[in-house]
Every structure is written in C-alpha cells, then in structure tokens.
Amino acid sequence: MQRKHKKTLELIYSRPTSGNINWSDIESLFKELGADVSERAGSRVAVVLFGEVRVFHRPHPSPNTDKGAVASIRKWLEVNEVEL
C-alpha cells in the first residue's frame, strides 16, 4: 500500500474523528483496496467492496468528508479487518 493510502487510513482510524479528510483520498483508498466505485444520482457514490454495496454522499462544496461518514467508513473497515 502506498504511503498516501496509509496516511488516509491513519486519519480514518484516528481519534477523535477527523473532519479534514478529502473525499478524493478516501475514494482513492477504496480503489486501492479493490473497490468498484461508481456514480449514482446527485452527488452519491456507490462503493462495492467486501462483497457489499455502500452508498456515500460526495461532500460539496467543501472537499472534506464529514465526521459521521468517516466514523461509518472506520467501522466498515474495522469489521472487514483492514489494518494499518
């Protein structure tokens, strides 16, 4: 895994939950983990990973992912044993 993706993963797992993670970095991490990322209606993004489909809202106008989405992503990665 590239250093950029490890840094994103560290930010996702950090406590307290970070509100300064760019969505594009998270999307790139998903792709690195083997996800299929596709556009949905509006600003929604479908992520197919670990045999599941999760739909996220791409943040706008700010590129930063909100804390609730980061916590949800952290839990999803923990359940599927993605480690630093």
C-alpha atoms as a PDB file:
ATOM      1  CA  MET A   1       0.000   0.000   0.000  1.00  0.00           C
ATOM      2  CA  GLN A   2       1.340   3.428  -0.919  1.00  0.00           C
ATOM      3  CA  ARG A   3       2.229   5.935   1.779  1.00  0.00           C
ATOM      4  CA  LYS A   4      -0.639   8.231   0.683  1.00  0.00           C
ATOM      5  CA  HIS A   5      -3.186   5.459   1.311  1.00  0.00           C
ATOM      6  CA  LYS A   6      -1.610   4.568   4.663  1.00  0.00           C
ATOM      7  CA  LYS A   7      -1.861   8.225   5.708  1.00  0.00           C
ATOM      8  CA  THR A   8      -5.549   8.297   4.732  1.00  0.00           C
ATOM      9  CA  LEU A   9      -6.138   5.080   6.687  1.00  0.00           C
ATOM     10  CA  GLU A  10      -4.373   6.588   9.723  1.00  0.00           C
ATOM     11  CA  LEU A  11      -6.637   9.643   9.523  1.00  0.00           C
ATOM     12  CA  ILE A  12      -9.734   7.430   9.288  1.00  0.00           C
ATOM     13  CA  TYR A  13      -8.681   5.404  12.341  1.00  0.00           C
ATOM     14  CA  SER A  14      -7.577   8.444  14.381  1.00  0.00           C
ATOM     15  CA  ARG A  15      -9.470   9.505  17.499  1.00  0.00           C
ATOM     16  CA  PRO A  16     -11.130  11.937  17.831  1.00  0.00           C
ATOM     17  CA  THR A  17     -12.692  11.534  14.410  1.00  0.00           C
ATOM     18  CA  SER A  18     -11.119  13.822  11.833  1.00  0.00           C
ATOM     19  CA  GLY A  19     -13.223  16.210   9.795  1.00  0.00           C
ATOM     20  CA  ASN A  20     -10.335  17.105   7.472  1.00  0.00           C
ATOM     21  CA  ILE A  21     -10.094  14.089   5.169  1.00  0.00           C
ATOM     22  CA  ASN A  22     -10.584  14.830   1.489  1.00  0.00           C
ATOM     23  CA  TRP A  23     -13.213  12.628  -0.103  1.00  0.00           C
ATOM     24  CA  SER A  24     -10.938  12.059  -3.110  1.00  0.00           C
ATOM     25  CA  ASP A  25      -8.336  10.495  -0.774  1.00  0.00           C
ATOM     26  CA  ILE A  26     -10.947   8.146   0.705  1.00  0.00           C
ATOM     27  CA  GLU A  27     -12.210   7.223  -2.760  1.00  0.00           C
ATOM     28  CA  SER A  28      -8.623   6.523  -3.835  1.00  0.00           C
ATOM     29  CA  LEU A  29      -8.138   4.301  -0.755  1.00  0.00           C
ATOM     30  CA  PHE A  30     -11.281   2.344  -1.629  1.00  0.00           C
ATOM     31  CA  LYS A  31      -9.912   1.746  -5.138  1.00  0.00           C
ATOM     32  CA  GLU A  32      -6.565   0.631  -3.696  1.00  0.00           C
ATOM     33  CA  LEU A  33      -8.451  -1.925  -1.575  1.00  0.00           C
ATOM     34  CA  GLY A  34     -10.089  -3.274  -4.750  1.00  0.00           C
ATOM     35  CA  ALA A  35     -13.395  -1.440  -4.701  1.00  0.00           C
ATOM     36  CA  ASP A  36     -15.570  -0.664  -7.686  1.00  0.00           C
ATOM     37  CA  VAL A  37     -16.632   2.974  -7.313  1.00  0.00           C
ATOM     38  CA  SER A  38     -19.487   4.288  -9.448  1.00  0.00           C
ATOM     39  CA  GLU A  39     -21.547   7.451  -9.703  1.00  0.00           C
ATOM     40  CA  ARG A  40     -25.173   7.462  -8.607  1.00  0.00           C
ATOM     41  CA  ALA A  41     -27.895  10.102  -8.757  1.00  0.00           C
ATOM     42  CA  GLY A  42     -26.960  13.525  -7.465  1.00  0.00           C
ATOM     43  CA  SER A  43     -23.677  13.512  -5.583  1.00  0.00           C
ATOM     44  CA  ARG A  44     -23.970   9.931  -4.383  1.00  0.00           C
ATOM     45  CA  VAL A  45     -21.224   7.388  -4.930  1.00  0.00           C
ATOM     46  CA  ALA A  46     -21.690   3.609  -4.749  1.00  0.00           C
ATOM     47  CA  VAL A  47     -18.743   1.624  -3.404  1.00  0.00           C
ATOM     48  CA  VAL A  48     -18.687  -2.136  -3.946  1.00  0.00           C
ATOM     49  CA  LEU A  49     -16.145  -3.650  -1.552  1.00  0.00           C
ATOM     50  CA  PHE A  50     -16.020  -6.741   0.676  1.00  0.00           C
ATOM     51  CA  GLY A  51     -19.000  -8.144  -1.237  1.00  0.00           C
ATOM     52  CA  GLU A  52     -21.171  -5.237  -0.087  1.00  0.00           C
ATOM     53  CA  VAL A  53     -22.515  -2.078  -1.668  1.00  0.00           C
ATOM     54  CA  ARG A  54     -22.306   1.116   0.357  1.00  0.00           C
ATOM     55  CA  VAL A  55     -23.606   4.440  -0.893  1.00  0.00           C
ATOM     56  CA  PHE A  56     -21.917   7.630   0.268  1.00  0.00           C
ATOM     57  CA  HIS A  57     -22.661  11.285  -0.363  1.00  0.00           C
ATOM     58  CA  ARG A  58     -19.770  13.086  -2.040  1.00  0.00           C
ATOM     59  CA  PRO A  59     -19.246  16.266   0.005  1.00  0.00           C
ATOM     60  CA  HIS A  60     -19.686  19.652  -1.600  1.00  0.00           C
ATOM     61  CA  PRO A  61     -18.815  22.484  -1.816  1.00  0.00           C
ATOM     62  CA  SER A  62     -16.067  21.536   0.667  1.00  0.00           C
ATOM     63  CA  PRO A  63     -13.941  18.529  -0.308  1.00  0.00           C
ATOM     64  CA  ASN A  64     -13.759  17.353   3.322  1.00  0.00           C
ATOM     65  CA  THR A  65     -15.705  14.288   4.432  1.00  0.00           C
ATOM     66  CA  ASP A  66     -17.945  14.870   7.463  1.00  0.00           C
ATOM     67  CA  LYS A  67     -17.187  13.130  10.746  1.00  0.00           C
ATOM     68  CA  GLY A  68     -20.261  10.890  10.591  1.00  0.00           C
ATOM     69  CA  ALA A  69     -19.205   9.459   7.223  1.00  0.00           C
ATOM     70  CA  VAL A  70     -15.630   8.973   8.458  1.00  0.00           C
ATOM     71  CA  ALA A  71     -16.905   7.076  11.529  1.00  0.00           C
ATOM     72  CA  SER A  72     -19.098   4.900   9.295  1.00  0.00           C
ATOM     73  CA  ILE A  73     -16.167   4.143   6.989  1.00  0.00           C
ATOM     74  CA  ARG A  74     -13.929   3.364  10.000  1.00  0.00           C
ATOM     75  CA  LYS A  75     -16.464   0.867  11.348  1.00  0.00           C
ATOM     76  CA  TRP A  76     -16.864  -0.764   7.913  1.00  0.00           C
ATOM     77  CA  LEU A  77     -13.084  -1.148   7.537  1.00  0.00           C
ATOM     78  CA  GLU A  78     -12.694  -2.481  11.105  1.00  0.00           C
ATOM     79  CA  VAL A  79     -15.423  -5.100  10.614  1.00  0.00           C
ATOM     80  CA  ASN A  80     -13.620  -6.269   7.487  1.00  0.00           C
ATOM     81  CA  GLU A  81     -10.258  -6.288   9.293  1.00  0.00           C
ATOM     82  CA  VAL A  82      -8.466  -3.646   7.251  1.00  0.00           C
ATOM     83  CA  GLU A  83      -5.370  -2.768   9.259  1.00  0.00           C
ATOM     84  CA  LEU A  84      -2.797  -0.002   9.099  1.00  0.00           C
END
